[in-house]
């Protein structure tokens, strides 16, 4: 993996809510084959755009819990459709940014 999807391997060891692993996988698939961003601003724009595209809400505007309607990939149960924006702000996206920085 040489594209942006490489930043998603391996997944985090813990999650905020049950929908977060589904969103992680959906983002990885969204970025599959996309070139690695050249700078941090481009990476941040890609992450913000991907989050908004998949959840319907900008991360900056998201409440602490965000219900997401998944077209595919749900494993049953209501909590599978809820993601934790604080997880993405404080753990998920910082982890991806750190992985990106190591590759620069």
PDB file of N, CA and C in Angstrom:
ATOM      1  N   UNK A   1       0.844  -1.179   0.000  1.00  0.00           N
ATOM      2  CA  UNK A   1       0.000   0.000   0.000  1.00  0.00           C
ATOM      3  C   UNK A   1       0.890   1.243   0.000  1.00  0.00           C
ATOM      4  N   UNK A   2       0.727   2.042  -1.016  1.00  0.00           N
ATOM      5  CA  UNK A   2       1.511   3.268  -1.084  1.00  0.00           C
ATOM      6  C   UNK A   2       0.640   4.509  -1.101  1.00  0.00           C
ATOM      7  N   UNK A   3      -0.651   4.323  -1.259  1.00  0.00           N
ATOM      8  CA  UNK A   3      -1.565   5.448  -1.270  1.00  0.00           C
ATOM      9  C   UNK A   3      -2.008   5.810   0.136  1.00  0.00           C
ATOM     10  N   UNK A   4      -2.959   6.698   0.186  1.00  0.00           N
ATOM     11  CA  UNK A   4      -3.441   7.208   1.461  1.00  0.00           C
ATOM     12  C   UNK A   4      -4.047   6.126   2.344  1.00  0.00           C
ATOM     13  N   UNK A   5      -4.533   5.044   1.739  1.00  0.00           N
ATOM     14  CA  UNK A   5      -5.123   3.961   2.540  1.00  0.00           C
ATOM     15  C   UNK A   5      -4.101   3.335   3.480  1.00  0.00           C
ATOM     16  N   UNK A   6      -2.814   3.478   3.173  1.00  0.00           N
ATOM     17  CA  UNK A   6      -1.765   2.921   4.034  1.00  0.00           C
ATOM     18  C   UNK A   6      -1.765   3.564   5.424  1.00  0.00           C
ATOM     19  N   UNK A   7      -2.284   4.761   5.531  1.00  0.00           N
ATOM     20  CA  UNK A   7      -2.329   5.455   6.823  1.00  0.00           C
ATOM     21  C   UNK A   7      -3.328   4.812   7.784  1.00  0.00           C
ATOM     22  N   UNK A   8      -4.169   3.925   7.275  1.00  0.00           N
ATOM     23  CA  UNK A   8      -5.209   3.301   8.086  1.00  0.00           C
ATOM     24  C   UNK A   8      -4.827   1.910   8.595  1.00  0.00           C
ATOM     25  N   UNK A   9      -3.573   1.502   8.380  1.00  0.00           N
ATOM     26  CA  UNK A   9      -3.139   0.184   8.834  1.00  0.00           C
ATOM     27  C   UNK A   9      -1.993   0.331   9.824  1.00  0.00           C
ATOM     28  N   UNK A  10      -2.091  -0.303  10.949  1.00  0.00           N
ATOM     29  CA  UNK A  10      -3.218  -1.067  11.467  1.00  0.00           C
ATOM     30  C   UNK A  10      -4.262  -0.131  12.089  1.00  0.00           C
ATOM     31  N   UNK A  11      -5.450  -0.653  12.323  1.00  0.00           N
ATOM     32  CA  UNK A  11      -6.473   0.163  12.977  1.00  0.00           C
ATOM     33  C   UNK A  11      -6.104   0.411  14.440  1.00  0.00           C
ATOM     34  N   UNK A  12      -6.731   1.396  15.054  1.00  0.00           N
ATOM     35  CA  UNK A  12      -6.465   1.670  16.477  1.00  0.00           C
ATOM     36  C   UNK A  12      -6.804   0.462  17.351  1.00  0.00           C
ATOM     37  N   UNK A  13      -6.219   0.422  18.516  1.00  0.00           N
ATOM     38  CA  UNK A  13      -6.487  -0.658  19.457  1.00  0.00           C
ATOM     39  C   UNK A  13      -7.766  -0.450  20.250  1.00  0.00           C
ATOM     40  N   UNK A  14      -8.311   0.754  20.220  1.00  0.00           N
ATOM     41  CA  UNK A  14      -9.574   1.024  20.908  1.00  0.00           C
ATOM     42  C   UNK A  14     -10.366   2.040  20.091  1.00  0.00           C
ATOM     43  N   UNK A  15     -11.660   2.089  20.374  1.00  0.00           N
ATOM     44  CA  UNK A  15     -12.569   2.945  19.623  1.00  0.00           C
ATOM     45  C   UNK A  15     -13.379   3.783  20.592  1.00  0.00           C
ATOM     46  N   UNK A  16     -14.022   4.807  20.068  1.00  0.00           N
ATOM     47  CA  UNK A  16     -14.918   5.618  20.880  1.00  0.00           C
ATOM     48  C   UNK A  16     -16.276   4.940  21.012  1.00  0.00           C
ATOM     49  N   UNK A  17     -16.921   4.675  19.875  1.00  0.00           N
ATOM     50  CA  UNK A  17     -18.228   4.021  19.843  1.00  0.00           C
ATOM     51  C   UNK A  17     -18.208   2.915  18.795  1.00  0.00           C
ATOM     52  N   UNK A  18     -19.235   2.087  18.798  1.00  0.00           N
ATOM     53  CA  UNK A  18     -19.244   0.901  17.934  1.00  0.00           C
ATOM     54  C   UNK A  18     -19.260   1.227  16.450  1.00  0.00           C
ATOM     55  N   UNK A  19     -19.719   2.394  16.081  1.00  0.00           N
ATOM     56  CA  UNK A  19     -19.712   2.767  14.663  1.00  0.00           C
ATOM     57  C   UNK A  19     -18.353   3.225  14.164  1.00  0.00           C
ATOM     58  N   UNK A  20     -17.425   3.530  15.079  1.00  0.00           N
ATOM     59  CA  UNK A  20     -16.123   4.053  14.661  1.00  0.00           C
ATOM     60  C   UNK A  20     -15.313   3.070  13.813  1.00  0.00           C
ATOM     61  N   UNK A  21     -15.274   1.764  14.131  1.00  0.00           N
ATOM     62  CA  UNK A  21     -14.543   0.858  13.239  1.00  0.00           C
ATOM     63  C   UNK A  21     -15.139   0.803  11.829  1.00  0.00           C
ATOM     64  N   UNK A  22     -16.465   0.927  11.740  1.00  0.00           N
ATOM     65  CA  UNK A  22     -17.108   0.941  10.426  1.00  0.00           C
ATOM     66  C   UNK A  22     -16.698   2.185   9.650  1.00  0.00           C
ATOM     67  N   UNK A  23     -16.627   3.324  10.328  1.00  0.00           N
ATOM     68  CA  UNK A  23     -16.202   4.558   9.674  1.00  0.00           C
ATOM     69  C   UNK A  23     -14.730   4.473   9.286  1.00  0.00           C
ATOM     70  N   UNK A  24     -13.890   3.899  10.139  1.00  0.00           N
ATOM     71  CA  UNK A  24     -12.467   3.712   9.824  1.00  0.00           C
ATOM     72  C   UNK A  24     -12.328   2.925   8.516  1.00  0.00           C
ATOM     73  N   UNK A  25     -13.060   1.803   8.420  1.00  0.00           N
ATOM     74  CA  UNK A  25     -13.000   0.985   7.209  1.00  0.00           C
ATOM     75  C   UNK A  25     -13.551   1.723   5.993  1.00  0.00           C
ATOM     76  N   UNK A  26     -14.622   2.480   6.190  1.00  0.00           N
ATOM     77  CA  UNK A  26     -15.201   3.239   5.084  1.00  0.00           C
ATOM     78  C   UNK A  26     -14.233   4.321   4.598  1.00  0.00           C
ATOM     79  N   UNK A  27     -13.547   4.978   5.519  1.00  0.00           N
ATOM     80  CA  UNK A  27     -12.547   5.976   5.119  1.00  0.00           C
ATOM     81  C   UNK A  27     -11.382   5.312   4.392  1.00  0.00           C
ATOM     82  N   UNK A  28     -10.927   4.178   4.898  1.00  0.00           N
ATOM     83  CA  UNK A  28      -9.836   3.458   4.241  1.00  0.00           C
ATOM     84  C   UNK A  28     -10.218   3.113   2.804  1.00  0.00           C
ATOM     85  N   UNK A  29     -11.430   2.628   2.620  1.00  0.00           N
ATOM     86  CA  UNK A  29     -11.896   2.299   1.265  1.00  0.00           C
ATOM     87  C   UNK A  29     -12.033   3.550   0.403  1.00  0.00           C
ATOM     88  N   UNK A  30     -12.518   4.637   0.999  1.00  0.00           N
ATOM     89  CA  UNK A  30     -12.673   5.893   0.265  1.00  0.00           C
ATOM     90  C   UNK A  30     -11.328   6.387  -0.263  1.00  0.00           C
ATOM     91  N   UNK A  31     -10.275   6.229   0.545  1.00  0.00           N
ATOM     92  CA  UNK A  31      -8.956   6.723   0.174  1.00  0.00           C
ATOM     93  C   UNK A  31      -8.106   5.682  -0.556  1.00  0.00           C
ATOM     94  N   UNK A  32      -8.642   4.506  -0.804  1.00  0.00           N
ATOM     95  CA  UNK A  32      -7.891   3.449  -1.481  1.00  0.00           C
ATOM     96  C   UNK A  32      -7.442   3.936  -2.859  1.00  0.00           C
ATOM     97  N   UNK A  33      -6.131   3.906  -3.089  1.00  0.00           N
ATOM     98  CA  UNK A  33      -5.574   4.324  -4.365  1.00  0.00           C
ATOM     99  C   UNK A  33      -5.339   5.813  -4.500  1.00  0.00           C
ATOM    100  N   UNK A  34      -5.797   6.608  -3.533  1.00  0.00           N
ATOM    101  CA  UNK A  34      -5.574   8.052  -3.584  1.00  0.00           C
ATOM    102  C   UNK A  34      -4.119   8.336  -3.213  1.00  0.00           C
ATOM    103  N   UNK A  35      -3.488   9.223  -3.947  1.00  0.00           N
ATOM    104  CA  UNK A  35      -2.091   9.558  -3.684  1.00  0.00           C
ATOM    105  C   UNK A  35      -1.934  10.154  -2.288  1.00  0.00           C
ATOM    106  N   UNK A  36      -0.801   9.873  -1.681  1.00  0.00           N
ATOM    107  CA  UNK A  36      -0.476  10.425  -0.376  1.00  0.00           C
ATOM    108  C   UNK A  36      -0.385  11.953  -0.506  1.00  0.00           C
ATOM    109  N   UNK A  37      -1.060  12.696   0.352  1.00  0.00           N
ATOM    110  CA  UNK A  37      -0.984  14.159   0.270  1.00  0.00           C
ATOM    111  C   UNK A  37       0.447  14.658   0.470  1.00  0.00           C
ATOM    112  N   UNK A  38       0.772  15.745  -0.219  1.00  0.00           N
ATOM    113  CA  UNK A  38       2.120  16.319  -0.145  1.00  0.00           C
ATOM    114  C   UNK A  38       2.347  17.148   1.099  1.00  0.00           C
ATOM    115  N   UNK A  39       1.281  17.691   1.662  1.00  0.00           N
ATOM    116  CA  UNK A  39       1.448  18.536   2.845  1.00  0.00           C
ATOM    117  C   UNK A  39       0.316  18.291   3.829  1.00  0.00           C
ATOM    118  N   UNK A  40       0.530  18.759   5.057  1.00  0.00           N
ATOM    119  CA  UNK A  40      -0.427  18.519   6.135  1.00  0.00           C
ATOM    120  C   UNK A  40      -1.781  19.158   5.855  1.00  0.00           C
ATOM    121  N   UNK A  41      -1.786  20.335   5.239  1.00  0.00           N
ATOM    122  CA  UNK A  41      -3.066  20.978   4.920  1.00  0.00           C
ATOM    123  C   UNK A  41      -3.896  20.114   3.971  1.00  0.00           C
ATOM    124  N   UNK A  42      -3.237  19.525   2.966  1.00  0.00           N
ATOM    125  CA  UNK A  42      -3.951  18.662   2.021  1.00  0.00           C
ATOM    126  C   UNK A  42      -4.479  17.414   2.724  1.00  0.00           C
ATOM    127  N   UNK A  43      -3.689  16.856   3.637  1.00  0.00           N
ATOM    128  CA  UNK A  43      -4.140  15.705   4.406  1.00  0.00           C
ATOM    129  C   UNK A  43      -5.361  16.070   5.241  1.00  0.00           C
ATOM    130  N   UNK A  44      -5.292  17.189   5.938  1.00  0.00           N
ATOM    131  CA  UNK A  44      -6.419  17.615   6.777  1.00  0.00           C
ATOM    132  C   UNK A  44      -7.670  17.860   5.949  1.00  0.00           C
ATOM    133  N   UNK A  45      -7.518  18.469   4.787  1.00  0.00           N
ATOM    134  CA  UNK A  45      -8.682  18.691   3.910  1.00  0.00           C
ATOM    135  C   UNK A  45      -9.286  17.355   3.474  1.00  0.00           C
ATOM    136  N   UNK A  46      -8.426  16.401   3.114  1.00  0.00           N
ATOM    137  CA  UNK A  46      -8.923  15.090   2.682  1.00  0.00           C
ATOM    138  C   UNK A  46      -9.674  14.394   3.815  1.00  0.00           C
ATOM    139  N   UNK A  47      -9.102  14.417   5.019  1.00  0.00           N
ATOM    140  CA  UNK A  47      -9.763  13.778   6.159  1.00  0.00           C
ATOM    141  C   UNK A  47     -11.089  14.451   6.479  1.00  0.00           C
ATOM    142  N   UNK A  48     -11.095  15.776   6.496  1.00  0.00           N
ATOM    143  CA  UNK A  48     -12.334  16.510   6.783  1.00  0.00           C
ATOM    144  C   UNK A  48     -13.400  16.236   5.727  1.00  0.00           C
ATOM    145  N   UNK A  49     -12.980  16.232   4.462  1.00  0.00           N
ATOM    146  CA  UNK A  49     -13.922  15.974   3.376  1.00  0.00           C
ATOM    147  C   UNK A  49     -14.464  14.548   3.454  1.00  0.00           C
ATOM    148  N   UNK A  50     -13.584  13.588   3.712  1.00  0.00           N
ATOM    149  CA  UNK A  50     -14.016  12.198   3.825  1.00  0.00           C
ATOM    150  C   UNK A  50     -14.994  11.993   4.969  1.00  0.00           C
ATOM    151  N   UNK A  51     -14.682  12.584   6.125  1.00  0.00           N
ATOM    152  CA  UNK A  51     -15.574  12.463   7.275  1.00  0.00           C
ATOM    153  C   UNK A  51     -16.953  13.034   6.934  1.00  0.00           C
ATOM    154  N   UNK A  52     -16.968  14.225   6.353  1.00  0.00           N
ATOM    155  CA  UNK A  52     -18.241  14.873   6.014  1.00  0.00           C
ATOM    156  C   UNK A  52     -19.012  14.082   4.965  1.00  0.00           C
ATOM    157  N   UNK A  53     -18.297  13.550   3.983  1.00  0.00           N
ATOM    158  CA  UNK A  53     -18.950  12.780   2.928  1.00  0.00           C
ATOM    159  C   UNK A  53     -19.620  11.525   3.484  1.00  0.00           C
ATOM    160  N   UNK A  54     -18.944  10.862   4.409  1.00  0.00           N
ATOM    161  CA  UNK A  54     -19.468   9.596   4.923  1.00  0.00           C
ATOM    162  C   UNK A  54     -20.463   9.759   6.061  1.00  0.00           C
ATOM    163  N   UNK A  55     -20.369  10.841   6.814  1.00  0.00           N
ATOM    164  CA  UNK A  55     -21.283  11.023   7.943  1.00  0.00           C
ATOM    165  C   UNK A  55     -22.385  12.036   7.670  1.00  0.00           C
ATOM    166  N   UNK A  56     -22.165  12.893   6.680  1.00  0.00           N
ATOM    167  CA  UNK A  56     -23.133  13.948   6.394  1.00  0.00           C
ATOM    168  C   UNK A  56     -22.946  15.164   7.270  1.00  0.00           C
ATOM    169  N   UNK A  57     -21.893  15.189   8.080  1.00  0.00           N
ATOM    170  CA  UNK A  57     -21.636  16.297   9.003  1.00  0.00           C
ATOM    171  C   UNK A  57     -20.146  16.595   9.043  1.00  0.00           C
ATOM    172  N   UNK A  58     -19.799  17.867   9.024  1.00  0.00           N
ATOM    173  CA  UNK A  58     -18.395  18.250   9.181  1.00  0.00           C
ATOM    174  C   UNK A  58     -17.955  17.927  10.601  1.00  0.00           C
ATOM    175  N   UNK A  59     -16.730  17.417  10.743  1.00  0.00           N
ATOM    176  CA  UNK A  59     -16.229  17.057  12.066  1.00  0.00           C
ATOM    177  C   UNK A  59     -16.230  18.267  12.999  1.00  0.00           C
ATOM    178  N   UNK A  60     -15.893  19.430  12.486  1.00  0.00           N
ATOM    179  CA  UNK A  60     -15.851  20.639  13.313  1.00  0.00           C
ATOM    180  C   UNK A  60     -17.224  20.994  13.883  1.00  0.00           C
ATOM    181  N   UNK A  61     -18.283  20.585  13.202  1.00  0.00           N
ATOM    182  CA  UNK A  61     -19.648  20.910  13.625  1.00  0.00           C
ATOM    183  C   UNK A  61     -20.350  19.759  14.335  1.00  0.00           C
ATOM    184  N   UNK A  62     -19.678  18.623  14.444  1.00  0.00           N
ATOM    185  CA  UNK A  62     -20.331  17.415  14.955  1.00  0.00           C
ATOM    186  C   UNK A  62     -20.473  17.442  16.472  1.00  0.00           C
ATOM    187  N   UNK A  63     -21.612  16.985  16.988  1.00  0.00           N
ATOM    188  CA  UNK A  63     -21.787  16.839  18.436  1.00  0.00           C
ATOM    189  C   UNK A  63     -20.949  15.655  18.935  1.00  0.00           C
ATOM    190  N   UNK A  64     -20.982  15.390  20.219  1.00  0.00           N
ATOM    191  CA  UNK A  64     -20.155  14.319  20.780  1.00  0.00           C
ATOM    192  C   UNK A  64     -20.556  12.925  20.304  1.00  0.00           C
ATOM    193  N   UNK A  65     -21.805  12.727  19.963  1.00  0.00           N
ATOM    194  CA  UNK A  65     -22.236  11.477  19.346  1.00  0.00           C
ATOM    195  C   UNK A  65     -22.962  11.831  18.063  1.00  0.00           C
ATOM    196  N   UNK A  66     -22.681  11.074  17.040  1.00  0.00           N
ATOM    197  CA  UNK A  66     -23.222  11.392  15.723  1.00  0.00           C
ATOM    198  C   UNK A  66     -23.822  10.140  15.106  1.00  0.00           C
ATOM    199  N   UNK A  67     -25.153  10.118  14.943  1.00  0.00           N
ATOM    200  CA  UNK A  67     -25.753   8.973  14.264  1.00  0.00           C
ATOM    201  C   UNK A  67     -25.447   9.050  12.778  1.00  0.00           C
ATOM    202  N   UNK A  68     -25.074   7.916  12.214  1.00  0.00           N
ATOM    203  CA  UNK A  68     -24.730   7.842  10.800  1.00  0.00           C
ATOM    204  C   UNK A  68     -25.546   6.733  10.173  1.00  0.00           C
ATOM    205  N   UNK A  69     -26.152   7.029   9.032  1.00  0.00           N
ATOM    206  CA  UNK A  69     -26.893   6.002   8.298  1.00  0.00           C
ATOM    207  C   UNK A  69     -25.926   5.332   7.345  1.00  0.00           C
ATOM    208  N   UNK A  70     -25.609   4.095   7.614  1.00  0.00           N
ATOM    209  CA  UNK A  70     -24.678   3.346   6.775  1.00  0.00           C
ATOM    210  C   UNK A  70     -25.454   2.617   5.698  1.00  0.00           C
ATOM    211  N   UNK A  71     -25.105   2.856   4.464  1.00  0.00           N
ATOM    212  CA  UNK A  71     -25.757   2.146   3.365  1.00  0.00           C
ATOM    213  C   UNK A  71     -25.370   0.671   3.388  1.00  0.00           C
ATOM    214  N   UNK A  72     -24.106   0.390   3.760  1.00  0.00           N
ATOM    215  CA  UNK A  72     -23.621  -0.981   3.832  1.00  0.00           C
ATOM    216  C   UNK A  72     -22.764  -1.100   5.082  1.00  0.00           C
ATOM    217  N   UNK A  73     -22.498  -2.303   5.446  1.00  0.00           N
ATOM    218  CA  UNK A  73     -21.502  -2.543   6.470  1.00  0.00           C
ATOM    219  C   UNK A  73     -22.006  -2.601   7.891  1.00  0.00           C
ATOM    220  N   UNK A  74     -23.274  -2.353   8.132  1.00  0.00           N
ATOM    221  CA  UNK A  74     -23.743  -2.458   9.502  1.00  0.00           C
ATOM    222  C   UNK A  74     -23.798  -3.920   9.896  1.00  0.00           C
ATOM    223  N   UNK A  75     -23.585  -4.138  11.147  1.00  0.00           N
ATOM    224  CA  UNK A  75     -23.554  -5.497  11.649  1.00  0.00           C
ATOM    225  C   UNK A  75     -24.738  -5.762  12.570  1.00  0.00           C
ATOM    226  N   UNK A  76     -25.734  -4.917  12.482  1.00  0.00           N
ATOM    227  CA  UNK A  76     -26.913  -5.073  13.311  1.00  0.00           C
ATOM    228  C   UNK A  76     -26.792  -4.275  14.587  1.00  0.00           C
ATOM    229  N   UNK A  77     -27.896  -3.834  15.103  1.00  0.00           N
ATOM    230  CA  UNK A  77     -27.910  -3.066  16.339  1.00  0.00           C
ATOM    231  C   UNK A  77     -27.822  -1.572  16.083  1.00  0.00           C
ATOM    232  N   UNK A  78     -28.502  -0.812  16.915  1.00  0.00           N
ATOM    233  CA  UNK A  78     -28.550   0.634  16.726  1.00  0.00           C
ATOM    234  C   UNK A  78     -27.197   1.306  16.926  1.00  0.00           C
ATOM    235  N   UNK A  79     -26.386   0.825  17.864  1.00  0.00           N
ATOM    236  CA  UNK A  79     -25.146   1.522  18.186  1.00  0.00           C
ATOM    237  C   UNK A  79     -24.100   1.409  17.089  1.00  0.00           C
ATOM    238  N   UNK A  80     -24.282   0.497  16.130  1.00  0.00           N
ATOM    239  CA  UNK A  80     -23.353   0.416  15.009  1.00  0.00           C
ATOM    240  C   UNK A  80     -23.401   1.668  14.158  1.00  0.00           C
ATOM    241  N   UNK A  81     -24.485   2.398  14.212  1.00  0.00           N
ATOM    242  CA  UNK A  81     -24.643   3.593  13.400  1.00  0.00           C
ATOM    243  C   UNK A  81     -24.290   4.869  14.134  1.00  0.00           C
ATOM    244  N   UNK A  82     -23.569   4.773  15.232  1.00  0.00           N
ATOM    245  CA  UNK A  82     -23.205   5.967  15.990  1.00  0.00           C
ATOM    246  C   UNK A  82     -21.694   6.038  16.100  1.00  0.00           C
ATOM    247  N   UNK A  83     -21.137   7.189  15.693  1.00  0.00           N
ATOM    248  CA  UNK A  83     -19.702   7.393  15.798  1.00  0.00           C
ATOM    249  C   UNK A  83     -19.421   8.476  16.837  1.00  0.00           C
ATOM    250  N   UNK A  84     -18.186   8.494  17.300  1.00  0.00           N
ATOM    251  CA  UNK A  84     -17.750   9.430  18.329  1.00  0.00           C
ATOM    252  C   UNK A  84     -16.850  10.501  17.720  1.00  0.00           C
ATOM    253  N   UNK A  85     -17.373  11.688  17.413  1.00  0.00           N
ATOM    254  CA  UNK A  85     -16.505  12.745  16.910  1.00  0.00           C
ATOM    255  C   UNK A  85     -15.315  13.057  17.821  1.00  0.00           C
ATOM    256  N   UNK A  86     -15.458  13.010  19.164  1.00  0.00           N
ATOM    257  CA  UNK A  86     -14.259  13.223  19.984  1.00  0.00           C
ATOM    258  C   UNK A  86     -13.163  12.193  19.712  1.00  0.00           C
ATOM    259  N   UNK A  87     -13.545  10.933  19.430  1.00  0.00           N
ATOM    260  CA  UNK A  87     -12.548   9.930  19.074  1.00  0.00           C
ATOM    261  C   UNK A  87     -11.793  10.365  17.820  1.00  0.00           C
ATOM    262  N   UNK A  88     -12.520  10.836  16.821  1.00  0.00           N
ATOM    263  CA  UNK A  88     -11.877  11.228  15.565  1.00  0.00           C
ATOM    264  C   UNK A  88     -11.005  12.468  15.745  1.00  0.00           C
ATOM    265  N   UNK A  89     -11.462  13.403  16.561  1.00  0.00           N
ATOM    266  CA  UNK A  89     -10.675  14.621  16.812  1.00  0.00           C
ATOM    267  C   UNK A  89      -9.422  14.338  17.632  1.00  0.00           C
ATOM    268  N   UNK A  90      -9.564  13.478  18.651  1.00  0.00           N
ATOM    269  CA  UNK A  90      -8.501  13.298  19.648  1.00  0.00           C
ATOM    270  C   UNK A  90      -7.629  12.060  19.441  1.00  0.00           C
ATOM    271  N   UNK A  91      -8.134  11.065  18.715  1.00  0.00           N
ATOM    272  CA  UNK A  91      -7.397   9.806  18.560  1.00  0.00           C
ATOM    273  C   UNK A  91      -7.226   9.436  17.084  1.00  0.00           C
ATOM    274  N   UNK A  92      -8.331   9.247  16.380  1.00  0.00           N
ATOM    275  CA  UNK A  92      -8.283   8.716  15.020  1.00  0.00           C
ATOM    276  C   UNK A  92      -7.496   9.571  14.044  1.00  0.00           C
ATOM    277  N   UNK A  93      -7.910  10.824  13.859  1.00  0.00           N
ATOM    278  CA  UNK A  93      -7.211  11.675  12.899  1.00  0.00           C
ATOM    279  C   UNK A  93      -5.811  12.054  13.367  1.00  0.00           C
ATOM    280  N   UNK A  94      -5.568  12.306  14.665  1.00  0.00           N
ATOM    281  CA  UNK A  94      -4.171  12.518  15.084  1.00  0.00           C
ATOM    282  C   UNK A  94      -3.274  11.311  14.786  1.00  0.00           C
ATOM    283  N   UNK A  95      -3.807  10.096  14.938  1.00  0.00           N
ATOM    284  CA  UNK A  95      -3.028   8.896  14.617  1.00  0.00           C
ATOM    285  C   UNK A  95      -2.679   8.880  13.129  1.00  0.00           C
ATOM    286  N   UNK A  96      -3.629   9.207  12.289  1.00  0.00           N
ATOM    287  CA  UNK A  96      -3.387   9.223  10.852  1.00  0.00           C
ATOM    288  C   UNK A  96      -2.371  10.318  10.507  1.00  0.00           C
ATOM    289  N   UNK A  97      -2.495  11.481  11.129  1.00  0.00           N
ATOM    290  CA  UNK A  97      -1.522  12.561  10.887  1.00  0.00           C
ATOM    291  C   UNK A  97      -0.109  12.148  11.310  1.00  0.00           C
ATOM    292  N   UNK A  98      -0.003  11.471  12.444  1.00  0.00           N
ATOM    293  CA  UNK A  98       1.307  10.992  12.902  1.00  0.00           C
ATOM    294  C   UNK A  98       1.897   9.984  11.915  1.00  0.00           C
ATOM    295  N   UNK A  99       1.081   9.090  11.411  1.00  0.00           N
ATOM    296  CA  UNK A  99       1.560   8.104  10.432  1.00  0.00           C
ATOM    297  C   UNK A  99       2.001   8.800   9.149  1.00  0.00           C
ATOM    298  N   UNK A 100       1.249   9.821   8.754  1.00  0.00           N
ATOM    299  CA  UNK A 100       1.619  10.585   7.560  1.00  0.00           C
ATOM    300  C   UNK A 100       2.976  11.264   7.778  1.00  0.00           C
ATOM    301  N   UNK A 101       3.174  11.880   8.939  1.00  0.00           N
ATOM    302  CA  UNK A 101       4.426  12.591   9.233  1.00  0.00           C
ATOM    303  C   UNK A 101       5.631  11.653   9.190  1.00  0.00           C
ATOM    304  N   UNK A 102       5.466  10.426   9.656  1.00  0.00           N
ATOM    305  CA  UNK A 102       6.565   9.449   9.643  1.00  0.00           C
ATOM    306  C   UNK A 102       6.958   9.134   8.199  1.00  0.00           C
ATOM    307  N   UNK A 103       6.027   9.158   7.287  1.00  0.00           N
ATOM    308  CA  UNK A 103       6.300   8.827   5.885  1.00  0.00           C
ATOM    309  C   UNK A 103       6.916   9.980   5.107  1.00  0.00           C
ATOM    310  N   UNK A 104       6.924  11.174   5.682  1.00  0.00           N
ATOM    311  CA  UNK A 104       7.456  12.344   4.960  1.00  0.00           C
ATOM    312  C   UNK A 104       8.965  12.431   5.023  1.00  0.00           C
TER     313      UNK A 104
END
